[in-house]
Amino acid sequence: MQKKFVPFLFVGGLVGILVFQYKAVIPFAEKVASSSLFLVDSGDEGSRFPSSTEMTSYAFFQCNKAIRDEIDSEYNISFPTEPLQSWSLGNYRYIVNAEIELNSETTPTFVKKYACQIGYDNEADMEGIMDSGNWTLHGLSGISGL
């Protein structure tokens, strides 16, 4: 007779766990996720649209420095005065899309597009904005193989 109650006990426990999750755990998780607990208010707003700001200009400059360090010295690099597009991701992180002209003694001039994701480490402290040590390169694409 005890063996008849085991499946009912198992199903009842499973139903109890599901009801507890549905009525208690999920509402609590939604309340925590919608709260400001995970909100980082750095003062630097992101945008889905390309924009040109003072910080994206500094990010463009730092990306160009990183590219100069990355590419072999056999190439002569011509950098544009401004990027094709740049985006602020918020929290002092930026994406820069631009073109560079490359040439060497053995190859004719050719153009390479690149994308660079970079972040400013000192956040609102603009004192060391030109120092490469205050920037972190998160990704660079489009110039591999040079």
N, C-alpha and C. Protein backbone atom coordinates (compact mmCIF):
# COMPACT_ATOMS: atom_id res chain seq x y z
N MET A 1 0.80 -1.18 0.00
CA MET A 1 0.00 0.00 0.00
C MET A 1 0.86 1.27 0.00
N GLN A 2 2.04 1.23 0.57
CA GLN A 2 2.91 2.41 0.57
C GLN A 2 3.40 2.75 -0.84
N LYS A 3 3.58 1.74 -1.67
CA LYS A 3 4.09 1.98 -3.01
C LYS A 3 3.08 2.74 -3.88
N LYS A 4 1.80 2.70 -3.52
CA LYS A 4 0.79 3.43 -4.28
C LYS A 4 0.91 4.94 -4.05
N PHE A 5 1.39 5.35 -2.90
CA PHE A 5 1.47 6.77 -2.57
C PHE A 5 2.75 7.44 -3.08
N VAL A 6 3.76 6.69 -3.43
CA VAL A 6 5.05 7.24 -3.87
C VAL A 6 4.88 8.08 -5.14
N PRO A 7 4.20 7.60 -6.20
CA PRO A 7 4.04 8.44 -7.39
C PRO A 7 3.24 9.71 -7.11
N PHE A 8 2.21 9.60 -6.26
CA PHE A 8 1.42 10.79 -5.93
C PHE A 8 2.24 11.78 -5.12
N LEU A 9 3.08 11.28 -4.24
CA LEU A 9 3.95 12.13 -3.44
C LEU A 9 4.96 12.85 -4.35
N PHE A 10 5.51 12.13 -5.30
CA PHE A 10 6.47 12.71 -6.24
C PHE A 10 5.81 13.79 -7.09
N VAL A 11 4.65 13.49 -7.66
CA VAL A 11 3.93 14.46 -8.50
C VAL A 11 3.49 15.66 -7.66
N GLY A 12 3.02 15.41 -6.43
CA GLY A 12 2.62 16.51 -5.55
C GLY A 12 3.79 17.41 -5.20
N GLY A 13 4.96 16.83 -4.94
CA GLY A 13 6.16 17.63 -4.66
C GLY A 13 6.59 18.44 -5.87
N LEU A 14 6.53 17.84 -7.06
CA LEU A 14 6.88 18.54 -8.29
C LEU A 14 5.93 19.71 -8.55
N VAL A 15 4.66 19.48 -8.37
CA VAL A 15 3.67 20.56 -8.54
C VAL A 15 3.90 21.66 -7.51
N GLY A 16 4.22 21.28 -6.28
CA GLY A 16 4.49 22.27 -5.24
C GLY A 16 5.70 23.14 -5.58
N ILE A 17 6.76 22.52 -6.09
CA ILE A 17 7.96 23.27 -6.49
C ILE A 17 7.64 24.24 -7.62
N LEU A 18 6.89 23.79 -8.62
CA LEU A 18 6.54 24.65 -9.75
C LEU A 18 5.66 25.83 -9.31
N VAL A 19 4.71 25.58 -8.44
CA VAL A 19 3.85 26.66 -7.95
C VAL A 19 4.67 27.66 -7.14
N PHE A 20 5.57 27.16 -6.30
CA PHE A 20 6.43 28.06 -5.52
C PHE A 20 7.30 28.91 -6.44
N GLN A 21 7.85 28.31 -7.49
CA GLN A 21 8.67 29.06 -8.43
C GLN A 21 7.83 30.12 -9.15
N TYR A 22 6.62 29.74 -9.58
CA TYR A 22 5.75 30.64 -10.32
C TYR A 22 5.23 31.79 -9.45
N LYS A 23 4.89 31.51 -8.21
CA LYS A 23 4.28 32.51 -7.34
C LYS A 23 5.28 33.32 -6.51
N ALA A 24 6.47 32.77 -6.24
CA ALA A 24 7.39 33.47 -5.35
C ALA A 24 8.72 33.83 -6.02
N VAL A 25 9.36 32.87 -6.66
CA VAL A 25 10.71 33.10 -7.18
C VAL A 25 10.70 34.05 -8.38
N ILE A 26 9.84 33.79 -9.35
CA ILE A 26 9.81 34.62 -10.55
C ILE A 26 9.40 36.06 -10.24
N PRO A 27 8.37 36.34 -9.45
CA PRO A 27 8.06 37.75 -9.12
C PRO A 27 9.21 38.44 -8.38
N PHE A 28 9.89 37.73 -7.50
CA PHE A 28 11.02 38.32 -6.79
C PHE A 28 12.15 38.65 -7.77
N ALA A 29 12.46 37.74 -8.70
CA ALA A 29 13.51 37.98 -9.68
C ALA A 29 13.15 39.16 -10.59
N GLU A 30 11.90 39.28 -10.99
CA GLU A 30 11.47 40.40 -11.82
C GLU A 30 11.58 41.72 -11.08
N LYS A 31 11.25 41.71 -9.80
CA LYS A 31 11.34 42.93 -8.99
C LYS A 31 12.80 43.37 -8.85
N VAL A 32 13.70 42.43 -8.62
CA VAL A 32 15.13 42.76 -8.49
C VAL A 32 15.68 43.25 -9.83
N ALA A 33 15.32 42.59 -10.93
CA ALA A 33 15.83 42.98 -12.25
C ALA A 33 15.35 44.36 -12.66
N SER A 34 14.14 44.75 -12.28
CA SER A 34 13.61 46.06 -12.67
C SER A 34 14.03 47.17 -11.70
N SER A 35 14.66 46.82 -10.62
CA SER A 35 15.10 47.84 -9.66
C SER A 35 16.38 48.50 -10.15
N SER A 36 16.87 49.44 -9.42
CA SER A 36 18.10 50.14 -9.79
C SER A 36 19.34 49.46 -9.22
N LEU A 37 19.20 48.24 -8.77
CA LEU A 37 20.32 47.51 -8.19
C LEU A 37 21.46 47.33 -9.19
N PHE A 38 21.13 47.05 -10.44
CA PHE A 38 22.15 46.81 -11.45
C PHE A 38 22.40 48.02 -12.34
N LEU A 39 21.80 49.13 -12.05
CA LEU A 39 21.94 50.33 -12.86
C LEU A 39 23.28 51.00 -12.57
N VAL A 40 24.05 51.24 -13.62
CA VAL A 40 25.31 51.96 -13.51
C VAL A 40 25.07 53.34 -14.11
N ASP A 41 25.07 54.35 -13.28
CA ASP A 41 24.85 55.71 -13.75
C ASP A 41 26.19 56.43 -13.78
N SER A 42 26.87 56.35 -14.92
CA SER A 42 28.21 56.91 -15.04
C SER A 42 28.20 58.35 -15.54
N GLY A 43 27.08 58.80 -16.06
CA GLY A 43 27.03 60.14 -16.61
C GLY A 43 27.34 60.15 -18.11
N ASP A 44 27.74 59.02 -18.66
CA ASP A 44 28.02 58.91 -20.09
C ASP A 44 26.94 58.04 -20.70
N GLU A 45 26.05 58.67 -21.45
CA GLU A 45 24.91 57.97 -22.03
C GLU A 45 25.30 57.32 -23.35
N GLY A 46 24.79 56.14 -23.59
CA GLY A 46 24.99 55.45 -24.84
C GLY A 46 23.95 55.87 -25.86
N SER A 47 24.19 55.50 -27.11
CA SER A 47 23.26 55.83 -28.18
C SER A 47 23.27 54.72 -29.21
N ARG A 48 22.11 54.44 -29.77
CA ARG A 48 22.03 53.45 -30.85
C ARG A 48 22.43 54.07 -32.17
N PHE A 49 22.50 55.38 -32.23
CA PHE A 49 22.78 56.08 -33.47
C PHE A 49 24.21 56.61 -33.46
N PRO A 50 24.87 56.64 -34.63
CA PRO A 50 26.21 57.21 -34.68
C PRO A 50 26.19 58.67 -34.25
N SER A 51 27.25 59.07 -33.55
CA SER A 51 27.33 60.45 -33.10
C SER A 51 28.80 60.87 -33.07
N SER A 52 29.00 62.15 -33.12
CA SER A 52 30.34 62.70 -33.04
C SER A 52 30.38 63.65 -31.85
N THR A 53 31.11 63.22 -30.82
CA THR A 53 31.26 64.03 -29.62
C THR A 53 32.75 64.20 -29.33
N GLU A 54 33.03 64.97 -28.32
CA GLU A 54 34.43 65.15 -27.92
C GLU A 54 35.04 63.82 -27.50
N MET A 55 34.29 63.00 -26.79
CA MET A 55 34.82 61.71 -26.33
C MET A 55 35.01 60.73 -27.48
N THR A 56 34.12 60.72 -28.48
CA THR A 56 34.33 59.84 -29.61
C THR A 56 35.54 60.28 -30.43
N SER A 57 35.84 61.57 -30.43
CA SER A 57 37.05 62.06 -31.10
C SER A 57 38.30 61.56 -30.38
N TYR A 58 38.29 61.62 -29.06
CA TYR A 58 39.42 61.08 -28.29
C TYR A 58 39.54 59.57 -28.50
N ALA A 59 38.42 58.87 -28.56
CA ALA A 59 38.44 57.43 -28.80
C ALA A 59 39.03 57.13 -30.18
N PHE A 60 38.66 57.92 -31.17
CA PHE A 60 39.19 57.77 -32.53
C PHE A 60 40.71 57.96 -32.52
N PHE A 61 41.18 58.97 -31.83
CA PHE A 61 42.62 59.23 -31.73
C PHE A 61 43.34 58.05 -31.08
N GLN A 62 42.78 57.51 -30.01
CA GLN A 62 43.41 56.38 -29.32
C GLN A 62 43.37 55.11 -30.17
N CYS A 63 42.30 54.90 -30.92
CA CYS A 63 42.25 53.76 -31.83
C CYS A 63 43.34 53.87 -32.90
N ASN A 64 43.54 55.06 -33.42
CA ASN A 64 44.60 55.26 -34.41
C ASN A 64 45.98 54.98 -33.82
N LYS A 65 46.19 55.35 -32.57
CA LYS A 65 47.47 55.03 -31.92
C LYS A 65 47.64 53.52 -31.79
N ALA A 66 46.57 52.83 -31.44
CA ALA A 66 46.63 51.38 -31.30
C ALA A 66 46.91 50.71 -32.65
N ILE A 67 46.33 51.24 -33.70
CA ILE A 67 46.56 50.69 -35.04
C ILE A 67 48.00 50.92 -35.46
N ARG A 68 48.52 52.10 -35.17
CA ARG A 68 49.92 52.39 -35.52
C ARG A 68 50.86 51.40 -34.81
N ASP A 69 50.54 51.05 -33.59
CA ASP A 69 51.35 50.07 -32.85
C ASP A 69 51.16 48.65 -33.38
N GLU A 70 50.00 48.36 -33.95
CA GLU A 70 49.65 47.01 -34.39
C GLU A 70 50.23 46.66 -35.76
N ILE A 71 50.27 47.63 -36.68
CA ILE A 71 50.67 47.37 -38.07
C ILE A 71 52.19 47.42 -38.19
N ASP A 72 52.71 46.53 -39.04
CA ASP A 72 54.16 46.48 -39.28
C ASP A 72 54.69 47.82 -39.75
N SER A 73 55.94 48.07 -39.43
CA SER A 73 56.55 49.36 -39.77
C SER A 73 56.86 49.48 -41.26
N GLU A 74 56.70 48.39 -42.04
CA GLU A 74 56.96 48.47 -43.49
C GLU A 74 55.89 49.26 -44.22
N TYR A 75 54.74 49.44 -43.60
CA TYR A 75 53.65 50.18 -44.22
C TYR A 75 53.66 51.63 -43.78
N ASN A 76 53.37 52.51 -44.73
CA ASN A 76 53.11 53.91 -44.43
C ASN A 76 51.60 54.04 -44.24
N ILE A 77 51.19 54.63 -43.13
CA ILE A 77 49.76 54.72 -42.80
C ILE A 77 49.31 56.16 -42.90
N SER A 78 48.19 56.38 -43.59
CA SER A 78 47.56 57.69 -43.64
C SER A 78 46.21 57.58 -42.93
N PHE A 79 46.08 58.34 -41.85
CA PHE A 79 44.85 58.32 -41.08
C PHE A 79 43.95 59.46 -41.51
N PRO A 80 42.63 59.25 -41.54
CA PRO A 80 41.71 60.33 -41.86
C PRO A 80 41.60 61.31 -40.69
N THR A 81 41.01 62.45 -40.95
CA THR A 81 40.86 63.45 -39.89
C THR A 81 39.68 63.13 -38.97
N GLU A 82 38.73 62.33 -39.46
CA GLU A 82 37.58 61.95 -38.64
C GLU A 82 37.10 60.56 -39.05
N PRO A 83 36.43 59.86 -38.15
CA PRO A 83 35.96 58.51 -38.47
C PRO A 83 34.76 58.54 -39.41
N LEU A 84 34.48 57.39 -40.03
CA LEU A 84 33.26 57.28 -40.83
C LEU A 84 32.04 57.37 -39.94
N GLN A 85 32.07 56.61 -38.83
CA GLN A 85 31.01 56.63 -37.84
C GLN A 85 31.61 56.29 -36.48
N SER A 86 30.97 56.78 -35.46
CA SER A 86 31.38 56.41 -34.09
C SER A 86 30.13 56.39 -33.21
N TRP A 87 30.17 55.48 -32.24
CA TRP A 87 29.04 55.30 -31.34
C TRP A 87 29.52 55.34 -29.91
N SER A 88 28.73 55.95 -29.06
CA SER A 88 28.96 55.87 -27.63
C SER A 88 28.10 54.73 -27.10
N LEU A 89 28.73 53.75 -26.46
CA LEU A 89 28.00 52.62 -25.90
C LEU A 89 27.52 52.92 -24.49
N GLY A 90 27.97 54.02 -23.92
CA GLY A 90 27.66 54.35 -22.54
C GLY A 90 28.76 53.83 -21.63
N ASN A 91 28.82 54.39 -20.44
CA ASN A 91 29.81 54.01 -19.45
C ASN A 91 31.24 54.14 -19.99
N TYR A 92 31.46 55.17 -20.83
CA TYR A 92 32.77 55.52 -21.37
C TYR A 92 33.36 54.42 -22.24
N ARG A 93 32.52 53.76 -23.03
CA ARG A 93 32.97 52.79 -24.02
C ARG A 93 32.45 53.25 -25.38
N TYR A 94 33.30 53.07 -26.41
CA TYR A 94 33.00 53.61 -27.73
C TYR A 94 33.35 52.61 -28.82
N ILE A 95 32.66 52.72 -29.94
CA ILE A 95 33.00 51.98 -31.15
C ILE A 95 33.29 53.01 -32.23
N VAL A 96 34.41 52.81 -32.92
CA VAL A 96 34.84 53.72 -33.97
C VAL A 96 34.99 52.91 -35.25
N ASN A 97 34.43 53.42 -36.35
CA ASN A 97 34.54 52.80 -37.66
C ASN A 97 35.21 53.82 -38.57
N ALA A 98 36.33 53.44 -39.18
CA ALA A 98 37.06 54.39 -40.02
C ALA A 98 37.84 53.64 -41.09
N GLU A 99 38.49 54.39 -41.96
CA GLU A 99 39.34 53.84 -43.01
C GLU A 99 40.74 54.38 -42.86
N ILE A 100 41.71 53.56 -43.22
CA ILE A 100 43.10 54.02 -43.28
C ILE A 100 43.65 53.67 -44.65
N GLU A 101 44.59 54.47 -45.12
CA GLU A 101 45.29 54.18 -46.37
C GLU A 101 46.65 53.63 -46.02
N LEU A 102 47.00 52.54 -46.69
CA LEU A 102 48.28 51.89 -46.46
C LEU A 102 49.03 51.77 -47.77
N ASN A 103 50.34 51.94 -47.70
CA ASN A 103 51.18 51.66 -48.86
C ASN A 103 52.58 51.30 -48.36
N SER A 104 53.30 50.62 -49.20
CA SER A 104 54.69 50.28 -48.90
C SER A 104 55.47 50.31 -50.20
N GLU A 105 56.75 50.01 -50.12
CA GLU A 105 57.57 50.01 -51.33
C GLU A 105 57.18 48.89 -52.27
N THR A 106 56.62 47.82 -51.76
CA THR A 106 56.29 46.65 -52.58
C THR A 106 54.82 46.58 -52.99
N THR A 107 53.95 47.36 -52.37
CA THR A 107 52.52 47.30 -52.69
C THR A 107 51.99 48.68 -53.03
N PRO A 108 51.01 48.76 -53.91
CA PRO A 108 50.38 50.06 -54.17
C PRO A 108 49.49 50.46 -52.99
N THR A 109 49.04 51.69 -53.03
CA THR A 109 48.18 52.19 -51.96
C THR A 109 46.84 51.46 -51.97
N PHE A 110 46.41 51.05 -50.79
CA PHE A 110 45.10 50.42 -50.65
C PHE A 110 44.46 50.91 -49.37
N VAL A 111 43.14 50.79 -49.32
CA VAL A 111 42.35 51.29 -48.20
C VAL A 111 41.83 50.11 -47.39
N LYS A 112 41.90 50.22 -46.07
CA LYS A 112 41.36 49.20 -45.17
C LYS A 112 40.38 49.88 -44.23
N LYS A 113 39.21 49.27 -44.07
CA LYS A 113 38.26 49.74 -43.07
C LYS A 113 38.54 48.99 -41.78
N TYR A 114 38.35 49.66 -40.68
CA TYR A 114 38.51 49.00 -39.39
C TYR A 114 37.40 49.42 -38.44
N ALA A 115 37.20 48.59 -37.45
CA ALA A 115 36.29 48.89 -36.35
C ALA A 115 37.07 48.68 -35.06
N CYS A 116 36.88 49.58 -34.15
CA CYS A 116 37.64 49.56 -32.90
C CYS A 116 36.67 49.79 -31.74
N GLN A 117 36.75 48.92 -30.75
CA GLN A 117 35.97 49.15 -29.52
C GLN A 117 36.97 49.48 -28.43
N ILE A 118 36.76 50.61 -27.79
CA ILE A 118 37.72 51.11 -26.81
C ILE A 118 36.97 51.74 -25.64
N GLY A 119 37.58 51.73 -24.49
CA GLY A 119 36.96 52.31 -23.30
C GLY A 119 37.92 53.21 -22.54
N TYR A 120 37.38 54.27 -21.98
CA TYR A 120 38.17 55.19 -21.17
C TYR A 120 38.04 54.76 -19.72
N ASP A 121 39.17 54.47 -19.09
CA ASP A 121 39.19 53.87 -17.76
C ASP A 121 38.92 54.86 -16.62
N ASN A 122 39.20 56.13 -16.81
CA ASN A 122 39.09 57.11 -15.72
C ASN A 122 37.71 57.76 -15.64
N GLU A 123 36.77 57.28 -16.39
CA GLU A 123 35.39 57.75 -16.41
C GLU A 123 35.30 59.27 -16.53
N ALA A 124 34.79 59.98 -15.54
CA ALA A 124 34.54 61.42 -15.66
C ALA A 124 35.80 62.25 -15.46
N ASP A 125 36.91 61.67 -15.04
CA ASP A 125 38.16 62.40 -14.83
C ASP A 125 38.86 62.60 -16.17
N MET A 126 38.77 63.80 -16.72
CA MET A 126 39.30 64.07 -18.05
C MET A 126 40.77 64.52 -18.03
N GLU A 127 41.40 64.48 -16.90
CA GLU A 127 42.78 64.96 -16.80
C GLU A 127 43.74 64.14 -17.66
N GLY A 128 43.60 62.83 -17.70
CA GLY A 128 44.52 61.99 -18.45
C GLY A 128 43.94 61.46 -19.75
N ILE A 129 43.11 62.24 -20.39
CA ILE A 129 42.39 61.77 -21.57
C ILE A 129 43.32 61.45 -22.74
N MET A 130 44.45 62.12 -22.86
CA MET A 130 45.36 61.89 -23.97
C MET A 130 46.37 60.78 -23.68
N ASP A 131 46.41 60.29 -22.47
CA ASP A 131 47.35 59.24 -22.09
C ASP A 131 46.80 57.88 -22.52
N SER A 132 47.55 57.16 -23.34
CA SER A 132 47.10 55.85 -23.83
C SER A 132 46.93 54.84 -22.71
N GLY A 133 47.61 55.04 -21.60
CA GLY A 133 47.49 54.14 -20.47
C GLY A 133 46.13 54.20 -19.79
N ASN A 134 45.37 55.25 -20.06
CA ASN A 134 44.04 55.39 -19.47
C ASN A 134 42.93 54.83 -20.36
N TRP A 135 43.31 54.24 -21.47
CA TRP A 135 42.34 53.67 -22.42
C TRP A 135 42.59 52.16 -22.52
N THR A 136 41.51 51.40 -22.67
CA THR A 136 41.61 49.95 -22.84
C THR A 136 40.98 49.59 -24.18
N LEU A 137 41.78 48.93 -25.01
CA LEU A 137 41.30 48.45 -26.30
C LEU A 137 40.57 47.13 -26.08
N HIS A 138 39.28 47.10 -26.39
CA HIS A 138 38.47 45.90 -26.18
C HIS A 138 38.39 45.05 -27.44
N GLY A 139 38.65 45.64 -28.59
CA GLY A 139 38.61 44.88 -29.84
C GLY A 139 38.99 45.73 -31.01
N LEU A 140 39.65 45.10 -31.99
CA LEU A 140 40.09 45.79 -33.20
C LEU A 140 39.92 44.80 -34.35
N SER A 141 39.14 45.17 -35.34
CA SER A 141 38.94 44.26 -36.47
C SER A 141 39.13 45.00 -37.78
N GLY A 142 39.49 44.23 -38.79
CA GLY A 142 39.63 44.79 -40.14
C GLY A 142 41.06 44.99 -40.57
N ILE A 143 42.02 44.89 -39.68
CA ILE A 143 43.42 45.10 -40.07
C ILE A 143 44.27 43.87 -39.87
N SER A 144 43.64 42.74 -39.61
CA SER A 144 44.42 41.53 -39.40
C SER A 144 45.12 41.13 -40.71
N GLY A 145 46.23 40.51 -40.58
CA GLY A 145 46.99 40.05 -41.75
C GLY A 145 47.91 41.10 -42.31
N LEU A 146 48.08 42.21 -41.65
CA LEU A 146 49.00 43.24 -42.15
C LEU A 146 50.29 43.21 -41.37
